[in-house]
Amino acid sequence: MSITYYDFKNLSKESQYKLVSADGVIISETYKDKLKFVLYKVSSFSVEIVYNVTNEKIEGLNVFQNNAAYEK
Protein backbone atom coordinates (compact mmCIF):
# COMPACT_ATOMS: atom_id res chain seq x y z
CA MET A 1 0.00 0.00 0.00
CA SER A 2 1.22 3.48 -0.78
CA ILE A 3 0.26 6.27 1.59
CA THR A 4 1.95 9.59 2.19
CA TYR A 5 3.43 10.65 5.50
CA TYR A 6 0.84 13.41 5.85
CA ASP A 7 -2.12 11.17 5.00
CA PHE A 8 -0.87 8.67 7.58
CA LYS A 9 -0.55 11.40 10.23
CA ASN A 10 -4.17 12.41 9.56
CA LEU A 11 -5.49 8.90 10.29
CA SER A 12 -6.84 8.03 13.73
CA LYS A 13 -4.37 6.27 16.05
CA GLU A 14 -6.36 3.04 15.70
CA SER A 15 -6.19 3.24 11.89
CA GLN A 16 -2.46 3.97 12.08
CA TYR A 17 -1.86 0.86 14.21
CA LYS A 18 -3.93 -1.29 11.85
CA LEU A 19 -2.15 -0.02 8.74
CA VAL A 20 1.30 -0.58 10.25
CA SER A 21 0.34 -4.09 11.39
CA ALA A 22 -1.04 -4.97 7.96
CA ASP A 23 1.45 -3.29 5.63
CA GLY A 24 4.54 -2.35 7.63
CA VAL A 25 7.85 -4.14 7.19
CA ILE A 26 9.87 -4.59 10.38
CA ILE A 27 13.25 -2.89 10.18
CA SER A 28 14.40 -3.48 13.75
CA GLU A 29 13.32 -4.46 17.27
CA THR A 30 14.88 -3.28 20.51
CA TYR A 31 14.03 -4.07 24.13
CA LYS A 32 14.54 -1.78 27.10
CA ASP A 33 13.23 -2.78 30.51
CA LYS A 34 9.58 -3.75 29.96
CA LEU A 35 9.25 -2.03 26.60
CA LYS A 36 9.76 -3.32 23.06
CA PHE A 37 10.47 -0.76 20.34
CA VAL A 38 9.64 -1.97 16.83
CA LEU A 39 10.59 0.14 13.82
CA TYR A 40 8.56 -0.43 10.65
CA LYS A 41 8.99 0.80 7.09
CA VAL A 42 5.66 2.00 5.73
CA SER A 43 5.53 3.42 2.21
CA SER A 44 8.10 6.27 2.18
CA PHE A 45 8.41 6.81 5.94
CA SER A 46 9.10 4.91 9.17
CA VAL A 47 6.89 4.19 12.17
CA GLU A 48 8.03 3.14 15.63
CA ILE A 49 5.53 1.37 17.85
CA VAL A 50 6.33 0.97 21.54
CA TYR A 51 4.86 -2.13 23.17
CA ASN A 52 4.65 -2.87 26.90
CA VAL A 53 5.66 -6.53 27.08
CA THR A 54 4.29 -6.93 30.62
CA ASN A 55 0.66 -6.10 29.85
CA GLU A 56 0.88 -6.64 26.06
CA LYS A 57 -0.43 -3.16 25.25
CA ILE A 58 0.75 -0.44 22.90
CA GLU A 59 2.37 2.43 24.78
CA GLY A 60 3.00 4.80 21.89
CA LEU A 61 3.60 5.45 18.22
CA ASN A 62 6.17 7.73 16.56
CA VAL A 63 6.31 8.60 12.87
CA PHE A 64 9.53 9.57 11.08
CA GLN A 65 9.26 11.31 7.73
CA ASN A 66 12.64 10.43 6.26
CA ASN A 67 13.60 6.78 5.91
CA ALA A 68 16.24 7.40 3.24
CA ALA A 69 18.79 5.59 5.40
CA TYR A 70 16.91 2.35 4.72
CA GLU A 71 16.62 2.80 0.96
CA LYS A 72 19.04 0.83 -1.20
PDB file of N, CA and C in Angstrom:
ATOM      1  N   MET A   1       0.845  -1.186   0.000  1.00  0.00           N
ATOM      2  CA  MET A   1       0.000   0.000   0.000  1.00  0.00           C
ATOM      3  C   MET A   1       0.886   1.243   0.000  1.00  0.00           C
ATOM      4  N   SER A   2       0.482   2.224  -0.739  1.00  0.00           N
ATOM      5  CA  SER A   2       1.215   3.479  -0.784  1.00  0.00           C
ATOM      6  C   SER A   2       0.374   4.572  -0.131  1.00  0.00           C
ATOM      7  N   ILE A   3       0.929   5.181   0.902  1.00  0.00           N
ATOM      8  CA  ILE A   3       0.264   6.272   1.591  1.00  0.00           C
ATOM      9  C   ILE A   3       1.328   7.304   1.921  1.00  0.00           C
ATOM     10  N   THR A   4       0.972   8.559   1.877  1.00  0.00           N
ATOM     11  CA  THR A   4       1.948   9.594   2.186  1.00  0.00           C
ATOM     12  C   THR A   4       2.074   9.763   3.697  1.00  0.00           C
ATOM     13  N   TYR A   5       3.181  10.349   4.085  1.00  0.00           N
ATOM     14  CA  TYR A   5       3.435  10.654   5.495  1.00  0.00           C
ATOM     15  C   TYR A   5       2.289  11.480   6.073  1.00  0.00           C
ATOM     16  N   TYR A   6       1.868  12.506   5.347  1.00  0.00           N
ATOM     17  CA  TYR A   6       0.838  13.412   5.845  1.00  0.00           C
ATOM     18  C   TYR A   6      -0.533  12.740   5.922  1.00  0.00           C
ATOM     19  N   ASP A   7      -0.860  11.905   4.946  1.00  0.00           N
ATOM     20  CA  ASP A   7      -2.124  11.169   5.005  1.00  0.00           C
ATOM     21  C   ASP A   7      -2.123  10.210   6.186  1.00  0.00           C
ATOM     22  N   PHE A   8      -0.982   9.577   6.437  1.00  0.00           N
ATOM     23  CA  PHE A   8      -0.872   8.667   7.578  1.00  0.00           C
ATOM     24  C   PHE A   8      -1.071   9.428   8.884  1.00  0.00           C
ATOM     25  N   LYS A   9      -0.437  10.598   9.008  1.00  0.00           N
ATOM     26  CA  LYS A   9      -0.551  11.398  10.228  1.00  0.00           C
ATOM     27  C   LYS A   9      -1.993  11.846  10.479  1.00  0.00           C
ATOM     28  N   ASN A  10      -2.782  11.978   9.418  1.00  0.00           N
ATOM     29  CA  ASN A  10      -4.174  12.412   9.561  1.00  0.00           C
ATOM     30  C   ASN A  10      -5.129  11.270   9.915  1.00  0.00           C
ATOM     31  N   LEU A  11      -4.655  10.026   9.888  1.00  0.00           N
ATOM     32  CA  LEU A  11      -5.490   8.896  10.293  1.00  0.00           C
ATOM     33  C   LEU A  11      -5.645   8.877  11.812  1.00  0.00           C
ATOM     34  N   SER A  12      -6.690   8.225  12.290  1.00  0.00           N
ATOM     35  CA  SER A  12      -6.839   8.031  13.729  1.00  0.00           C
ATOM     36  C   SER A  12      -5.725   7.104  14.210  1.00  0.00           C
ATOM     37  N   LYS A  13      -5.416   7.149  15.502  1.00  0.00           N
ATOM     38  CA  LYS A  13      -4.372   6.275  16.050  1.00  0.00           C
ATOM     39  C   LYS A  13      -4.703   4.811  15.778  1.00  0.00           C
ATOM     40  N   GLU A  14      -5.951   4.434  15.945  1.00  0.00           N
ATOM     41  CA  GLU A  14      -6.360   3.043  15.704  1.00  0.00           C
ATOM     42  C   GLU A  14      -6.096   2.644  14.254  1.00  0.00           C
ATOM     43  N   SER A  15      -6.430   3.523  13.316  1.00  0.00           N
ATOM     44  CA  SER A  15      -6.191   3.237  11.894  1.00  0.00           C
ATOM     45  C   SER A  15      -4.697   3.169  11.594  1.00  0.00           C
ATOM     46  N   GLN A  16      -3.905   4.021  12.259  1.00  0.00           N
ATOM     47  CA  GLN A  16      -2.464   3.973  12.083  1.00  0.00           C
ATOM     48  C   GLN A  16      -1.908   2.618  12.529  1.00  0.00           C
ATOM     49  N   TYR A  17      -2.325   2.161  13.704  1.00  0.00           N
ATOM     50  CA  TYR A  17      -1.861   0.861  14.210  1.00  0.00           C
ATOM     51  C   TYR A  17      -2.235  -0.267  13.257  1.00  0.00           C
ATOM     52  N   LYS A  18      -3.464  -0.238  12.766  1.00  0.00           N
ATOM     53  CA  LYS A  18      -3.932  -1.290  11.850  1.00  0.00           C
ATOM     54  C   LYS A  18      -3.133  -1.290  10.553  1.00  0.00           C
ATOM     55  N   LEU A  19      -2.887  -0.117   9.995  1.00  0.00           N
ATOM     56  CA  LEU A  19      -2.150  -0.021   8.740  1.00  0.00           C
ATOM     57  C   LEU A  19      -0.719  -0.521   8.916  1.00  0.00           C
ATOM     58  N   VAL A  20      -0.072  -0.130  10.002  1.00  0.00           N
ATOM     59  CA  VAL A  20       1.304  -0.577  10.247  1.00  0.00           C
ATOM     60  C   VAL A  20       1.340  -2.088  10.423  1.00  0.00           C
ATOM     61  N   SER A  21       0.383  -2.636  11.171  1.00  0.00           N
ATOM     62  CA  SER A  21       0.339  -4.087  11.390  1.00  0.00           C
ATOM     63  C   SER A  21       0.120  -4.846  10.088  1.00  0.00           C
ATOM     64  N   ALA A  22      -0.703  -4.296   9.213  1.00  0.00           N
ATOM     65  CA  ALA A  22      -1.040  -4.975   7.965  1.00  0.00           C
ATOM     66  C   ALA A  22       0.029  -4.803   6.891  1.00  0.00           C
ATOM     67  N   ASP A  23       0.591  -3.602   6.766  1.00  0.00           N
ATOM     68  CA  ASP A  23       1.453  -3.289   5.627  1.00  0.00           C
ATOM     69  C   ASP A  23       2.893  -2.939   5.973  1.00  0.00           C
ATOM     70  N   GLY A  24       3.185  -2.749   7.241  1.00  0.00           N
ATOM     71  CA  GLY A  24       4.541  -2.353   7.634  1.00  0.00           C
ATOM     72  C   GLY A  24       5.527  -3.504   7.549  1.00  0.00           C
ATOM     73  N   VAL A  25       6.768  -3.173   7.239  1.00  0.00           N
ATOM     74  CA  VAL A  25       7.853  -4.145   7.188  1.00  0.00           C
ATOM     75  C   VAL A  25       8.785  -3.833   8.362  1.00  0.00           C
ATOM     76  N   ILE A  26       9.031  -4.820   9.207  1.00  0.00           N
ATOM     77  CA  ILE A  26       9.868  -4.594  10.377  1.00  0.00           C
ATOM     78  C   ILE A  26      11.316  -4.348   9.955  1.00  0.00           C
ATOM     79  N   ILE A  27      11.860  -3.238  10.444  1.00  0.00           N
ATOM     80  CA  ILE A  27      13.254  -2.889  10.181  1.00  0.00           C
ATOM     81  C   ILE A  27      14.121  -3.331  11.353  1.00  0.00           C
ATOM     82  N   SER A  28      13.631  -3.081  12.578  1.00  0.00           N
ATOM     83  CA  SER A  28      14.404  -3.483  13.751  1.00  0.00           C
ATOM     84  C   SER A  28      13.511  -3.579  14.980  1.00  0.00           C
ATOM     85  N   GLU A  29      13.992  -4.327  15.971  1.00  0.00           N
ATOM     86  CA  GLU A  29      13.324  -4.460  17.267  1.00  0.00           C
ATOM     87  C   GLU A  29      14.366  -4.271  18.354  1.00  0.00           C
ATOM     88  N   THR A  30      13.994  -3.516  19.383  1.00  0.00           N
ATOM     89  CA  THR A  30      14.881  -3.283  20.514  1.00  0.00           C
ATOM     90  C   THR A  30      14.069  -3.387  21.796  1.00  0.00           C
ATOM     91  N   TYR A  31      14.674  -3.958  22.821  1.00  0.00           N
ATOM     92  CA  TYR A  31      14.027  -4.073  24.127  1.00  0.00           C
ATOM     93  C   TYR A  31      14.754  -3.202  25.136  1.00  0.00           C
ATOM     94  N   LYS A  32      13.982  -2.534  25.993  1.00  0.00           N
ATOM     95  CA  LYS A  32      14.544  -1.780  27.104  1.00  0.00           C
ATOM     96  C   LYS A  32      13.587  -1.905  28.269  1.00  0.00           C
ATOM     97  N   ASP A  33      14.062  -2.507  29.336  1.00  0.00           N
ATOM     98  CA  ASP A  33      13.234  -2.783  30.506  1.00  0.00           C
ATOM     99  C   ASP A  33      12.002  -3.575  30.076  1.00  0.00           C
ATOM    100  N   LYS A  34      10.818  -3.027  30.288  1.00  0.00           N
ATOM    101  CA  LYS A  34       9.581  -3.748  29.960  1.00  0.00           C
ATOM    102  C   LYS A  34       8.976  -3.287  28.642  1.00  0.00           C
ATOM    103  N   LEU A  35       9.755  -2.562  27.860  1.00  0.00           N
ATOM    104  CA  LEU A  35       9.250  -2.028  26.596  1.00  0.00           C
ATOM    105  C   LEU A  35       9.960  -2.664  25.408  1.00  0.00           C
ATOM    106  N   LYS A  36       9.204  -2.845  24.335  1.00  0.00           N
ATOM    107  CA  LYS A  36       9.755  -3.320  23.062  1.00  0.00           C
ATOM    108  C   LYS A  36       9.490  -2.230  22.028  1.00  0.00           C
ATOM    109  N   PHE A  37      10.549  -1.783  21.369  1.00  0.00           N
ATOM    110  CA  PHE A  37      10.465  -0.755  20.339  1.00  0.00           C
ATOM    111  C   PHE A  37      10.617  -1.442  18.984  1.00  0.00           C
ATOM    112  N   VAL A  38       9.601  -1.332  18.150  1.00  0.00           N
ATOM    113  CA  VAL A  38       9.636  -1.965  16.834  1.00  0.00           C
ATOM    114  C   VAL A  38       9.550  -0.870  15.775  1.00  0.00           C
ATOM    115  N   LEU A  39      10.551  -0.843  14.888  1.00  0.00           N
ATOM    116  CA  LEU A  39      10.594   0.140  13.818  1.00  0.00           C
ATOM    117  C   LEU A  39      10.132  -0.518  12.527  1.00  0.00           C
ATOM    118  N   TYR A  40       9.150   0.086  11.887  1.00  0.00           N
ATOM    119  CA  TYR A  40       8.563  -0.432  10.648  1.00  0.00           C
ATOM    120  C   TYR A  40       8.818   0.537   9.506  1.00  0.00           C
ATOM    121  N   LYS A  41       8.987  -0.002   8.315  1.00  0.00           N
ATOM    122  CA  LYS A  41       8.991   0.805   7.090  1.00  0.00           C
ATOM    123  C   LYS A  41       7.585   0.739   6.524  1.00  0.00           C
ATOM    124  N   VAL A  42       6.998   1.906   6.307  1.00  0.00           N
ATOM    125  CA  VAL A  42       5.661   1.998   5.730  1.00  0.00           C
ATOM    126  C   VAL A  42       5.738   3.007   4.588  1.00  0.00           C
ATOM    127  N   SER A  43       5.485   2.542   3.377  1.00  0.00           N
ATOM    128  CA  SER A  43       5.533   3.420   2.207  1.00  0.00           C
ATOM    129  C   SER A  43       6.866   4.162   2.170  1.00  0.00           C
ATOM    130  N   SER A  44       6.857   5.490   2.280  1.00  0.00           N
ATOM    131  CA  SER A  44       8.098   6.269   2.180  1.00  0.00           C
ATOM    132  C   SER A  44       8.505   6.883   3.516  1.00  0.00           C
ATOM    133  N   PHE A  45       8.078   6.296   4.619  1.00  0.00           N
ATOM    134  CA  PHE A  45       8.414   6.809   5.943  1.00  0.00           C
ATOM    135  C   PHE A  45       8.532   5.639   6.917  1.00  0.00           C
ATOM    136  N   SER A  46       8.922   5.944   8.152  1.00  0.00           N
ATOM    137  CA  SER A  46       9.098   4.911   9.169  1.00  0.00           C
ATOM    138  C   SER A  46       8.177   5.171  10.352  1.00  0.00           C
ATOM    139  N   VAL A  47       7.758   4.100  10.999  1.00  0.00           N
ATOM    140  CA  VAL A  47       6.885   4.192  12.166  1.00  0.00           C
ATOM    141  C   VAL A  47       7.475   3.320  13.267  1.00  0.00           C
ATOM    142  N   GLU A  48       7.586   3.887  14.454  1.00  0.00           N
ATOM    143  CA  GLU A  48       8.029   3.138  15.625  1.00  0.00           C
ATOM    144  C   GLU A  48       6.824   2.927  16.535  1.00  0.00           C
ATOM    145  N   ILE A  49       6.583   1.675  16.892  1.00  0.00           N
ATOM    146  CA  ILE A  49       5.528   1.366  17.853  1.00  0.00           C
ATOM    147  C   ILE A  49       6.195   0.829  19.109  1.00  0.00           C
ATOM    148  N   VAL A  50       5.781   1.371  20.250  1.00  0.00           N
ATOM    149  CA  VAL A  50       6.333   0.970  21.540  1.00  0.00           C
ATOM    150  C   VAL A  50       5.305   0.076  22.229  1.00  0.00           C
ATOM    151  N   TYR A  51       5.724  -1.151  22.522  1.00  0.00           N
ATOM    152  CA  TYR A  51       4.856  -2.131  23.173  1.00  0.00           C
ATOM    153  C   TYR A  51       5.308  -2.347  24.609  1.00  0.00           C
ATOM    154  N   ASN A  52       4.356  -2.466  25.537  1.00  0.00           N
ATOM    155  CA  ASN A  52       4.652  -2.867  26.900  1.00  0.00           C
ATOM    156  C   ASN A  52       4.542  -4.378  26.929  1.00  0.00           C
ATOM    157  N   VAL A  53       5.664  -5.074  27.149  1.00  0.00           N
ATOM    158  CA  VAL A  53       5.657  -6.533  27.083  1.00  0.00           C
ATOM    159  C   VAL A  53       5.023  -7.163  28.322  1.00  0.00           C
ATOM    160  N   THR A  54       4.901  -6.402  29.398  1.00  0.00           N
ATOM    161  CA  THR A  54       4.288  -6.929  30.620  1.00  0.00           C
ATOM    162  C   THR A  54       2.783  -7.089  30.465  1.00  0.00           C
ATOM    163  N   ASN A  55       2.126  -6.030  29.993  1.00  0.00           N
ATOM    164  CA  ASN A  55       0.665  -6.099  29.854  1.00  0.00           C
ATOM    165  C   ASN A  55       0.204  -6.244  28.405  1.00  0.00           C
ATOM    166  N   GLU A  56       1.162  -6.423  27.485  1.00  0.00           N
ATOM    167  CA  GLU A  56       0.880  -6.640  26.062  1.00  0.00           C
ATOM    168  C   GLU A  56       0.007  -5.541  25.449  1.00  0.00           C
ATOM    169  N   LYS A  57       0.313  -4.291  25.794  1.00  0.00           N
ATOM    170  CA  LYS A  57      -0.430  -3.159  25.248  1.00  0.00           C
ATOM    171  C   LYS A  57       0.525  -2.217  24.528  1.00  0.00           C
ATOM    172  N   ILE A  58      -0.029  -1.441  23.623  1.00  0.00           N
ATOM    173  CA  ILE A  58       0.746  -0.440  22.898  1.00  0.00           C
ATOM    174  C   ILE A  58       0.869   0.794  23.783  1.00  0.00           C
ATOM    175  N   GLU A  59       2.096   1.256  23.945  1.00  0.00           N
ATOM    176  CA  GLU A  59       2.368   2.426  24.777  1.00  0.00           C
ATOM    177  C   GLU A  59       2.474   3.708  23.964  1.00  0.00           C
ATOM    178  N   GLY A  60       2.846   3.593  22.685  1.00  0.00           N
ATOM    179  CA  GLY A  60       2.998   4.798  21.888  1.00  0.00           C
ATOM    180  C   GLY A  60       3.361   4.510  20.447  1.00  0.00           C
ATOM    181  N   LEU A  61       3.297   5.554  19.649  1.00  0.00           N
ATOM    182  CA  LEU A  61       3.597   5.455  18.224  1.00  0.00           C
ATOM    183  C   LEU A  61       4.307   6.737  17.808  1.00  0.00           C
ATOM    184  N   ASN A  62       5.410   6.588  17.086  1.00  0.00           N
ATOM    185  CA  ASN A  62       6.166   7.728  16.562  1.00  0.00           C
ATOM    186  C   ASN A  62       6.335   7.548  15.058  1.00  0.00           C
ATOM    187  N   VAL A  63       6.201   8.645  14.327  1.00  0.00           N
ATOM    188  CA  VAL A  63       6.313   8.599  12.869  1.00  0.00           C
ATOM    189  C   VAL A  63       7.502   9.451  12.449  1.00  0.00           C
ATOM    190  N   PHE A  64       8.335   8.885  11.567  1.00  0.00           N
ATOM    191  CA  PHE A  64       9.526   9.570  11.081  1.00  0.00           C
ATOM    192  C   PHE A  64       9.409   9.754   9.574  1.00  0.00           C
ATOM    193  N   GLN A  65       9.496  10.992   9.139  1.00  0.00           N
ATOM    194  CA  GLN A  65       9.260  11.312   7.731  1.00  0.00           C
ATOM    195  C   GLN A  65      10.318  10.772   6.791  1.00  0.00           C
ATOM    196  N   ASN A  66      11.567  10.795   7.182  1.00  0.00           N
ATOM    197  CA  ASN A  66      12.639  10.425   6.259  1.00  0.00           C
ATOM    198  C   ASN A  66      13.180   9.047   6.605  1.00  0.00           C
ATOM    199  N   ASN A  67      13.006   8.096   5.693  1.00  0.00           N
ATOM    200  CA  ASN A  67      13.595   6.777   5.908  1.00  0.00           C
ATOM    201  C   ASN A  67      14.657   6.510   4.836  1.00  0.00           C
ATOM    202  N   ALA A  68      15.255   7.554   4.313  1.00  0.00           N
ATOM    203  CA  ALA A  68      16.238   7.402   3.241  1.00  0.00           C
ATOM    204  C   ALA A  68      17.404   6.511   3.656  1.00  0.00           C
ATOM    205  N   ALA A  69      17.689   6.423   4.934  1.00  0.00           N
ATOM    206  CA  ALA A  69      18.794   5.586   5.399  1.00  0.00           C
ATOM    207  C   ALA A  69      18.530   4.115   5.123  1.00  0.00           C
ATOM    208  N   TYR A  70      17.263   3.739   4.940  1.00  0.00           N
ATOM    209  CA  TYR A  70      16.905   2.347   4.717  1.00  0.00           C
ATOM    210  C   TYR A  70      16.734   2.011   3.243  1.00  0.00           C
ATOM    211  N   GLU A  71      16.797   3.014   2.386  1.00  0.00           N
ATOM    212  CA  GLU A  71      16.620   2.797   0.956  1.00  0.00           C
ATOM    213  C   GLU A  71      17.931   2.320   0.351  1.00  0.00           C
ATOM    214  N   LYS A  72      17.843   1.311  -0.490  1.00  0.00           N
ATOM    215  CA  LYS A  72      19.038   0.831  -1.203  1.00  0.00           C
ATOM    216  C   LYS A  72      18.684   0.471  -2.606  1.00  0.00           C
TER     217      LYS A  72
END
